[in-house]
């Protein structure tokens, strides 16, 4: 395989892929790297979650987060990678990165952006279940960022994701809480008032409460080590880590 080859994998057995969700994001794949386009919220949100991932992974593996490449030697998978907004920084931090997405257009966009930069990221058009079925070598770090609210079966998806994690490895999950506040801000506010996102991006019925996510991860054999909210300050137009998990939140868990 060349370092920028796209790999398509047929589905096997049970699947958590929601075709409607895949098509929704594939339709706007060309805009992933436009900081003022349909993915503007992710560009604003990205520095916060990148720092959370870096600090948590470094703390777990005893690395210096201030080092130039603190994640060097660690094998990482970014599930539902989209256009590569997280995969690229993770590679720059030194991790060996596999990044997957079920939408081929997303992977093509990610490849087109990474290739001129010389970033050797292993992008693949595939699913978690397919990797498990193929006995993919496990990872030190598994990232599930803004994915679980778009899959067809959350417990099945997380169970499959855990199978990709090495013993002693760490998983980071980020998603949206199922609260009235989240509906007001992440759905109505972001999609219909501020128009940060295309209408229909989120289905509030698919939002996942922290206790539900933690229960699924625990059932799959992980131990929750950290939980944090991510809040938006409209006056400063910035996101920050907070104790408020009513809308966006992140979890860190380890494979015991």
C-alpha atoms as a PDB file:
ATOM      1  CA  UNK A   1       0.000   0.000   0.000  1.00  0.00           C
ATOM      2  CA  UNK A   2       1.266   3.473  -0.817  1.00  0.00           C
ATOM      3  CA  UNK A   3       1.140   6.000   1.988  1.00  0.00           C
ATOM      4  CA  UNK A   4      -1.799   7.841   0.401  1.00  0.00           C
ATOM      5  CA  UNK A   5      -3.754   4.910  -1.026  1.00  0.00           C
ATOM      6  CA  UNK A   6      -7.496   4.771  -0.401  1.00  0.00           C
ATOM      7  CA  UNK A   7      -8.686   1.370   0.793  1.00  0.00           C
ATOM      8  CA  UNK A   8     -12.309   0.322   0.364  1.00  0.00           C
ATOM      9  CA  UNK A   9     -13.525  -2.519   2.539  1.00  0.00           C
ATOM     10  CA  UNK A  10     -16.779  -4.445   2.080  1.00  0.00           C
ATOM     11  CA  UNK A  11     -19.099  -4.598   5.044  1.00  0.00           C
ATOM     12  CA  UNK A  12     -19.049  -7.803   7.050  1.00  0.00           C
ATOM     13  CA  UNK A  13     -21.639  -9.012   9.510  1.00  0.00           C
ATOM     14  CA  UNK A  14     -23.320  -6.465  11.721  1.00  0.00           C
ATOM     15  CA  UNK A  15     -22.781  -2.834  10.923  1.00  0.00           C
ATOM     16  CA  UNK A  16     -23.254   0.462  12.725  1.00  0.00           C
ATOM     17  CA  UNK A  17     -23.117   2.507   9.520  1.00  0.00           C
ATOM     18  CA  UNK A  18     -26.109   4.780   8.956  1.00  0.00           C
ATOM     19  CA  UNK A  19     -26.240   5.366   5.168  1.00  0.00           C
ATOM     20  CA  UNK A  20     -28.259   8.575   5.520  1.00  0.00           C
ATOM     21  CA  UNK A  21     -25.646  10.065   7.862  1.00  0.00           C
ATOM     22  CA  UNK A  22     -22.802   9.049   5.552  1.00  0.00           C
ATOM     23  CA  UNK A  23     -24.484  10.686   2.563  1.00  0.00           C
ATOM     24  CA  UNK A  24     -25.182  13.837   4.583  1.00  0.00           C
ATOM     25  CA  UNK A  25     -21.498  14.470   5.263  1.00  0.00           C
ATOM     26  CA  UNK A  26     -20.292  13.197   1.889  1.00  0.00           C
ATOM     27  CA  UNK A  27     -22.430  15.886   0.243  1.00  0.00           C
ATOM     28  CA  UNK A  28     -20.366  18.641   1.861  1.00  0.00           C
ATOM     29  CA  UNK A  29     -16.985  16.857   1.872  1.00  0.00           C
ATOM     30  CA  UNK A  30     -15.305  19.534  -0.230  1.00  0.00           C
ATOM     31  CA  UNK A  31     -15.749  22.051   2.588  1.00  0.00           C
ATOM     32  CA  UNK A  32     -13.863  20.250   5.359  1.00  0.00           C
ATOM     33  CA  UNK A  33     -10.846  22.562   5.233  1.00  0.00           C
ATOM     34  CA  UNK A  34     -12.732  25.845   4.816  1.00  0.00           C
ATOM     35  CA  UNK A  35     -12.551  27.549   8.256  1.00  0.00           C
ATOM     36  CA  UNK A  36     -15.437  29.822   7.281  1.00  0.00           C
ATOM     37  CA  UNK A  37     -17.598  27.161   5.641  1.00  0.00           C
ATOM     38  CA  UNK A  38     -20.004  24.512   6.879  1.00  0.00           C
ATOM     39  CA  UNK A  39     -17.386  23.035   9.242  1.00  0.00           C
ATOM     40  CA  UNK A  40     -16.535  26.354  10.892  1.00  0.00           C
ATOM     41  CA  UNK A  41     -17.656  25.097  14.342  1.00  0.00           C
ATOM     42  CA  UNK A  42     -15.211  22.183  14.151  1.00  0.00           C
ATOM     43  CA  UNK A  43     -12.354  24.502  13.209  1.00  0.00           C
ATOM     44  CA  UNK A  44     -13.163  26.656  16.241  1.00  0.00           C
ATOM     45  CA  UNK A  45     -13.636  23.617  18.479  1.00  0.00           C
ATOM     46  CA  UNK A  46     -10.544  21.773  17.252  1.00  0.00           C
ATOM     47  CA  UNK A  47      -7.808  23.433  19.367  1.00  0.00           C
ATOM     48  CA  UNK A  48      -9.664  22.543  22.566  1.00  0.00           C
ATOM     49  CA  UNK A  49     -10.173  18.895  21.745  1.00  0.00           C
ATOM     50  CA  UNK A  50      -6.649  18.533  20.326  1.00  0.00           C
ATOM     51  CA  UNK A  51      -5.173  19.839  23.591  1.00  0.00           C
ATOM     52  CA  UNK A  52      -7.462  17.543  25.589  1.00  0.00           C
ATOM     53  CA  UNK A  53      -6.326  14.526  23.566  1.00  0.00           C
ATOM     54  CA  UNK A  54      -2.636  15.432  23.692  1.00  0.00           C
ATOM     55  CA  UNK A  55      -2.635  16.111  27.423  1.00  0.00           C
ATOM     56  CA  UNK A  56      -4.640  13.001  28.294  1.00  0.00           C
ATOM     57  CA  UNK A  57      -2.581  10.681  26.114  1.00  0.00           C
ATOM     58  CA  UNK A  58       0.705  12.134  27.362  1.00  0.00           C
ATOM     59  CA  UNK A  59      -0.378  11.841  30.986  1.00  0.00           C
ATOM     60  CA  UNK A  60      -1.445   8.218  30.478  1.00  0.00           C
ATOM     61  CA  UNK A  61       1.745   7.134  28.713  1.00  0.00           C
ATOM     62  CA  UNK A  62       4.097   9.292  30.790  1.00  0.00           C
ATOM     63  CA  UNK A  63       5.067  11.621  27.930  1.00  0.00           C
ATOM     64  CA  UNK A  64       6.093  15.273  28.060  1.00  0.00           C
ATOM     65  CA  UNK A  65       3.237  17.141  26.379  1.00  0.00           C
ATOM     66  CA  UNK A  66       5.596  20.052  25.646  1.00  0.00           C
ATOM     67  CA  UNK A  67       7.908  17.876  23.533  1.00  0.00           C
ATOM     68  CA  UNK A  68       7.983  18.480  19.774  1.00  0.00           C
ATOM     69  CA  UNK A  69       6.538  15.035  19.058  1.00  0.00           C
ATOM     70  CA  UNK A  70       5.145  13.783  22.365  1.00  0.00           C
ATOM     71  CA  UNK A  71       3.116  10.986  20.750  1.00  0.00           C
ATOM     72  CA  UNK A  72       5.975   9.492  18.751  1.00  0.00           C
ATOM     73  CA  UNK A  73       5.877   5.690  18.729  1.00  0.00           C
ATOM     74  CA  UNK A  74       2.162   5.494  19.522  1.00  0.00           C
ATOM     75  CA  UNK A  75      -0.253   3.909  17.050  1.00  0.00           C
ATOM     76  CA  UNK A  76      -3.508   5.883  16.796  1.00  0.00           C
ATOM     77  CA  UNK A  77      -6.783   5.465  14.919  1.00  0.00           C
ATOM     78  CA  UNK A  78      -9.146   8.343  14.189  1.00  0.00           C
ATOM     79  CA  UNK A  79     -12.609   6.839  13.628  1.00  0.00           C
ATOM     80  CA  UNK A  80     -14.952   8.897  11.468  1.00  0.00           C
ATOM     81  CA  UNK A  81     -12.041  11.134  10.483  1.00  0.00           C
ATOM     82  CA  UNK A  82     -13.938  13.280   7.983  1.00  0.00           C
ATOM     83  CA  UNK A  83     -11.508  15.516   6.122  1.00  0.00           C
ATOM     84  CA  UNK A  84      -8.627  14.901   8.522  1.00  0.00           C
ATOM     85  CA  UNK A  85      -8.951  17.853  10.910  1.00  0.00           C
ATOM     86  CA  UNK A  86      -7.719  15.703  13.800  1.00  0.00           C
ATOM     87  CA  UNK A  87      -5.653  13.113  11.941  1.00  0.00           C
ATOM     88  CA  UNK A  88      -3.203  15.700  10.604  1.00  0.00           C
ATOM     89  CA  UNK A  89      -2.361  17.302  13.989  1.00  0.00           C
ATOM     90  CA  UNK A  90      -2.031  13.838  15.565  1.00  0.00           C
ATOM     91  CA  UNK A  91       0.510  12.898  12.894  1.00  0.00           C
ATOM     92  CA  UNK A  92       2.407  16.127  13.498  1.00  0.00           C
ATOM     93  CA  UNK A  93       2.558  15.214  17.187  1.00  0.00           C
ATOM     94  CA  UNK A  94       4.394  12.056  16.158  1.00  0.00           C
ATOM     95  CA  UNK A  95       1.685   9.388  16.247  1.00  0.00           C
ATOM     96  CA  UNK A  96       1.447   6.692  13.583  1.00  0.00           C
ATOM     97  CA  UNK A  97      -2.058   7.491  12.317  1.00  0.00           C
ATOM     98  CA  UNK A  98      -4.706   5.347  10.684  1.00  0.00           C
ATOM     99  CA  UNK A  99      -7.780   7.427   9.854  1.00  0.00           C
ATOM    100  CA  UNK A 100     -11.026   5.851   8.663  1.00  0.00           C
ATOM    101  CA  UNK A 101     -14.362   7.060   7.369  1.00  0.00           C
ATOM    102  CA  UNK A 102     -17.268   5.275   5.728  1.00  0.00           C
ATOM    103  CA  UNK A 103     -17.687   8.107   3.195  1.00  0.00           C
ATOM    104  CA  UNK A 104     -15.228   7.799   0.318  1.00  0.00           C
ATOM    105  CA  UNK A 105     -15.572  11.504  -0.539  1.00  0.00           C
ATOM    106  CA  UNK A 106     -14.368  12.439   2.942  1.00  0.00           C
ATOM    107  CA  UNK A 107     -11.315  10.223   2.549  1.00  0.00           C
ATOM    108  CA  UNK A 108     -10.525  11.688  -0.875  1.00  0.00           C
ATOM    109  CA  UNK A 109     -10.721  15.190   0.597  1.00  0.00           C
ATOM    110  CA  UNK A 110      -8.436  14.178   3.470  1.00  0.00           C
ATOM    111  CA  UNK A 111      -5.917  12.604   1.086  1.00  0.00           C
ATOM    112  CA  UNK A 112      -5.927  15.634  -1.187  1.00  0.00           C
ATOM    113  CA  UNK A 113      -5.126  17.919   1.757  1.00  0.00           C
ATOM    114  CA  UNK A 114      -2.497  15.715   3.443  1.00  0.00           C
ATOM    115  CA  UNK A 115      -0.559  14.621   0.363  1.00  0.00           C
ATOM    116  CA  UNK A 116       0.983  18.012  -0.587  1.00  0.00           C
ATOM    117  CA  UNK A 117       2.017  18.461   3.049  1.00  0.00           C
ATOM    118  CA  UNK A 118       3.943  15.186   3.064  1.00  0.00           C
ATOM    119  CA  UNK A 119       1.943  13.745   5.958  1.00  0.00           C
ATOM    120  CA  UNK A 120       2.071   9.940   5.831  1.00  0.00           C
ATOM    121  CA  UNK A 121      -1.409   9.218   7.200  1.00  0.00           C
ATOM    122  CA  UNK A 122      -2.983   5.854   6.414  1.00  0.00           C
ATOM    123  CA  UNK A 123      -6.433   6.959   5.228  1.00  0.00           C
ATOM    124  CA  UNK A 124      -8.979   4.239   4.524  1.00  0.00           C
ATOM    125  CA  UNK A 125     -12.588   4.098   3.398  1.00  0.00           C
ATOM    126  CA  UNK A 126     -13.795   1.436   5.816  1.00  0.00           C
ATOM    127  CA  UNK A 127     -15.654   0.807   9.075  1.00  0.00           C
ATOM    128  CA  UNK A 128     -14.786  -0.214  12.605  1.00  0.00           C
ATOM    129  CA  UNK A 129     -16.567  -3.535  12.181  1.00  0.00           C
ATOM    130  CA  UNK A 130     -14.622  -4.303   9.009  1.00  0.00           C
ATOM    131  CA  UNK A 131     -11.295  -3.650  10.739  1.00  0.00           C
ATOM    132  CA  UNK A 132     -12.264  -5.949  13.600  1.00  0.00           C
ATOM    133  CA  UNK A 133     -13.309  -8.661  11.127  1.00  0.00           C
ATOM    134  CA  UNK A 134      -9.948  -8.313   9.371  1.00  0.00           C
ATOM    135  CA  UNK A 135      -8.037  -8.656  12.679  1.00  0.00           C
ATOM    136  CA  UNK A 136      -6.479  -5.206  12.376  1.00  0.00           C
ATOM    137  CA  UNK A 137      -3.535  -4.792  14.748  1.00  0.00           C
ATOM    138  CA  UNK A 138      -4.701  -2.970  17.901  1.00  0.00           C
ATOM    139  CA  UNK A 139      -3.952   0.667  18.648  1.00  0.00           C
ATOM    140  CA  UNK A 140      -2.475   2.548  21.604  1.00  0.00           C
ATOM    141  CA  UNK A 141      -5.034   5.343  21.091  1.00  0.00           C
ATOM    142  CA  UNK A 142      -8.571   5.191  19.690  1.00  0.00           C
ATOM    143  CA  UNK A 143     -10.387   8.457  18.926  1.00  0.00           C
ATOM    144  CA  UNK A 144     -14.180   8.609  18.617  1.00  0.00           C
ATOM    145  CA  UNK A 145     -14.848  12.305  18.065  1.00  0.00           C
ATOM    146  CA  UNK A 146     -18.302  13.575  17.108  1.00  0.00           C
ATOM    147  CA  UNK A 147     -19.147  10.138  15.723  1.00  0.00           C
ATOM    148  CA  UNK A 148     -21.452   8.283  18.114  1.00  0.00           C
ATOM    149  CA  UNK A 149     -24.359  10.683  17.481  1.00  0.00           C
ATOM    150  CA  UNK A 150     -24.295   9.601  13.829  1.00  0.00           C
ATOM    151  CA  UNK A 151     -24.053   5.793  14.052  1.00  0.00           C
ATOM    152  CA  UNK A 152     -26.941   3.343  13.852  1.00  0.00           C
ATOM    153  CA  UNK A 153     -26.134   1.407  17.043  1.00  0.00           C
ATOM    154  CA  UNK A 154     -24.050   3.151  19.725  1.00  0.00           C
ATOM    155  CA  UNK A 155     -23.353   0.153  22.037  1.00  0.00           C
ATOM    156  CA  UNK A 156     -22.382  -2.062  19.086  1.00  0.00           C
ATOM    157  CA  UNK A 157     -20.182   0.677  17.644  1.00  0.00           C
ATOM    158  CA  UNK A 158     -18.351   1.258  20.927  1.00  0.00           C
ATOM    159  CA  UNK A 159     -17.978  -2.470  21.550  1.00  0.00           C
ATOM    160  CA  UNK A 160     -16.314  -2.825  18.150  1.00  0.00           C
ATOM    161  CA  UNK A 161     -14.136   0.239  18.783  1.00  0.00           C
ATOM    162  CA  UNK A 162     -12.857  -1.217  22.051  1.00  0.00           C
ATOM    163  CA  UNK A 163     -11.720  -4.337  20.190  1.00  0.00           C
ATOM    164  CA  UNK A 164      -9.276  -2.111  18.309  1.00  0.00           C
ATOM    165  CA  UNK A 165      -7.666  -0.865  21.537  1.00  0.00           C
ATOM    166  CA  UNK A 166      -4.559  -2.444  23.022  1.00  0.00           C
ATOM    167  CA  UNK A 167      -4.558  -3.524  26.687  1.00  0.00           C
ATOM    168  CA  UNK A 168      -3.452  -0.407  28.540  1.00  0.00           C
ATOM    169  CA  UNK A 169      -4.496   1.769  25.625  1.00  0.00           C
ATOM    170  CA  UNK A 170      -6.593   4.927  25.860  1.00  0.00           C
ATOM    171  CA  UNK A 171      -9.814   5.964  24.115  1.00  0.00           C
ATOM    172  CA  UNK A 172     -11.121   9.516  23.817  1.00  0.00           C
ATOM    173  CA  UNK A 173     -14.792  10.074  22.987  1.00  0.00           C
ATOM    174  CA  UNK A 174     -16.418  13.410  22.206  1.00  0.00           C
ATOM    175  CA  UNK A 175     -20.100  13.933  21.474  1.00  0.00           C
ATOM    176  CA  UNK A 176     -23.267  15.897  22.313  1.00  0.00           C
ATOM    177  CA  UNK A 177     -25.448  15.387  25.373  1.00  0.00           C
ATOM    178  CA  UNK A 178     -29.170  14.661  24.987  1.00  0.00           C
ATOM    179  CA  UNK A 179     -30.580  17.630  26.886  1.00  0.00           C
ATOM    180  CA  UNK A 180     -32.961  20.479  26.138  1.00  0.00           C
ATOM    181  CA  UNK A 181     -29.989  22.834  26.366  1.00  0.00           C
ATOM    182  CA  UNK A 182     -28.164  20.829  23.695  1.00  0.00           C
ATOM    183  CA  UNK A 183     -31.222  20.901  21.435  1.00  0.00           C
ATOM    184  CA  UNK A 184     -31.485  24.671  21.894  1.00  0.00           C
ATOM    185  CA  UNK A 185     -27.797  25.384  21.251  1.00  0.00           C
ATOM    186  CA  UNK A 186     -26.356  22.546  19.133  1.00  0.00           C
ATOM    187  CA  UNK A 187     -29.459  22.005  17.012  1.00  0.00           C
ATOM    188  CA  UNK A 188     -31.706  25.063  16.823  1.00  0.00           C
ATOM    189  CA  UNK A 189     -29.042  27.688  17.520  1.00  0.00           C
ATOM    190  CA  UNK A 190     -26.227  26.230  15.406  1.00  0.00           C
ATOM    191  CA  UNK A 191     -28.341  25.067  12.458  1.00  0.00           C
ATOM    192  CA  UNK A 192     -31.242  27.512  12.184  1.00  0.00           C
ATOM    193  CA  UNK A 193     -30.263  30.745  13.952  1.00  0.00           C
ATOM    194  CA  UNK A 194     -26.500  31.120  13.579  1.00  0.00           C
ATOM    195  CA  UNK A 195     -26.469  28.815  10.528  1.00  0.00           C
ATOM    196  CA  UNK A 196     -23.083  27.416  11.494  1.00  0.00           C
ATOM    197  CA  UNK A 197     -24.169  24.005  10.220  1.00  0.00           C
ATOM    198  CA  UNK A 198     -26.469  22.824   7.433  1.00  0.00           C
ATOM    199  CA  UNK A 199     -30.036  22.239   8.617  1.00  0.00           C
ATOM    200  CA  UNK A 200     -30.476  18.586   9.477  1.00  0.00           C
ATOM    201  CA  UNK A 201     -26.865  17.972  10.521  1.00  0.00           C
ATOM    202  CA  UNK A 202     -27.966  16.666  13.912  1.00  0.00           C
ATOM    203  CA  UNK A 203     -30.871  14.534  15.047  1.00  0.00           C
ATOM    204  CA  UNK A 204     -31.394  15.308  18.773  1.00  0.00           C
ATOM    205  CA  UNK A 205     -32.866  11.857  19.287  1.00  0.00           C
ATOM    206  CA  UNK A 206     -29.407  10.445  18.572  1.00  0.00           C
ATOM    207  CA  UNK A 207     -27.597  12.601  21.106  1.00  0.00           C
ATOM    208  CA  UNK A 208     -25.963  10.472  23.808  1.00  0.00           C
ATOM    209  CA  UNK A 209     -26.028  11.184  27.529  1.00  0.00           C
ATOM    210  CA  UNK A 210     -22.689  10.856  29.367  1.00  0.00           C
ATOM    211  CA  UNK A 211     -24.046   8.081  31.575  1.00  0.00           C
ATOM    212  CA  UNK A 212     -25.093   6.124  28.478  1.00  0.00           C
ATOM    213  CA  UNK A 213     -21.695   6.510  26.862  1.00  0.00           C
ATOM    214  CA  UNK A 214     -19.899   5.593  30.080  1.00  0.00           C
ATOM    215  CA  UNK A 215     -22.123   2.555  30.594  1.00  0.00           C
ATOM    216  CA  UNK A 216     -21.423   1.314  27.063  1.00  0.00           C
ATOM    217  CA  UNK A 217     -17.668   1.824  27.451  1.00  0.00           C
ATOM    218  CA  UNK A 218     -17.621   0.167  30.864  1.00  0.00           C
ATOM    219  CA  UNK A 219     -19.664  -2.761  29.558  1.00  0.00           C
ATOM    220  CA  UNK A 220     -17.081  -3.158  26.785  1.00  0.00           C
ATOM    221  CA  UNK A 221     -14.310  -3.410  29.394  1.00  0.00           C
ATOM    222  CA  UNK A 222     -12.955   0.130  29.685  1.00  0.00           C
ATOM    223  CA  UNK A 223     -12.391   2.205  32.812  1.00  0.00           C
ATOM    224  CA  UNK A 224     -13.445   5.861  32.683  1.00  0.00           C
ATOM    225  CA  UNK A 225     -10.618   8.106  33.874  1.00  0.00           C
ATOM    226  CA  UNK A 226     -11.754  11.621  32.941  1.00  0.00           C
ATOM    227  CA  UNK A 227     -14.807  13.618  31.868  1.00  0.00           C
ATOM    228  CA  UNK A 228     -14.971  17.225  30.731  1.00  0.00           C
ATOM    229  CA  UNK A 229     -17.455  19.613  29.221  1.00  0.00           C
ATOM    230  CA  UNK A 230     -16.693  21.952  26.355  1.00  0.00           C
ATOM    231  CA  UNK A 231     -18.418  25.339  26.460  1.00  0.00           C
ATOM    232  CA  UNK A 232     -18.708  28.144  23.937  1.00  0.00           C
ATOM    233  CA  UNK A 233     -18.196  31.797  24.841  1.00  0.00           C
ATOM    234  CA  UNK A 234     -20.148  33.821  22.231  1.00  0.00           C
ATOM    235  CA  UNK A 235     -18.624  37.155  23.300  1.00  0.00           C
ATOM    236  CA  UNK A 236     -15.060  35.946  22.693  1.00  0.00           C
ATOM    237  CA  UNK A 237     -15.997  33.420  20.004  1.00  0.00           C
ATOM    238  CA  UNK A 238     -13.931  30.697  21.655  1.00  0.00           C
ATOM    239  CA  UNK A 239     -14.427  27.225  23.103  1.00  0.00           C
ATOM    240  CA  UNK A 240     -12.973  26.146  26.433  1.00  0.00           C
ATOM    241  CA  UNK A 241     -12.859  23.124  28.720  1.00  0.00           C
ATOM    242  CA  UNK A 242     -15.423  23.428  31.525  1.00  0.00           C
ATOM    243  CA  UNK A 243     -17.434  21.399  34.023  1.00  0.00           C
ATOM    244  CA  UNK A 244     -20.606  21.971  32.010  1.00  0.00           C
ATOM    245  CA  UNK A 245     -21.403  18.752  30.124  1.00  0.00           C
ATOM    246  CA  UNK A 246     -24.958  19.775  29.190  1.00  0.00           C
ATOM    247  CA  UNK A 247     -24.072  20.265  25.516  1.00  0.00           C
ATOM    248  CA  UNK A 248     -20.623  19.072  24.383  1.00  0.00           C
ATOM    249  CA  UNK A 249     -18.551  16.694  26.456  1.00  0.00           C
ATOM    250  CA  UNK A 250     -15.496  14.443  26.216  1.00  0.00           C
ATOM    251  CA  UNK A 251     -14.611  11.198  27.976  1.00  0.00           C
ATOM    252  CA  UNK A 252     -11.272   9.457  28.462  1.00  0.00           C
ATOM    253  CA  UNK A 253     -11.171   5.718  29.152  1.00  0.00           C
ATOM    254  CA  UNK A 254      -8.452   3.072  29.398  1.00  0.00           C
ATOM    255  CA  UNK A 255      -8.433  -0.591  28.476  1.00  0.00           C
ATOM    256  CA  UNK A 256      -7.614  -2.406  31.684  1.00  0.00           C
END
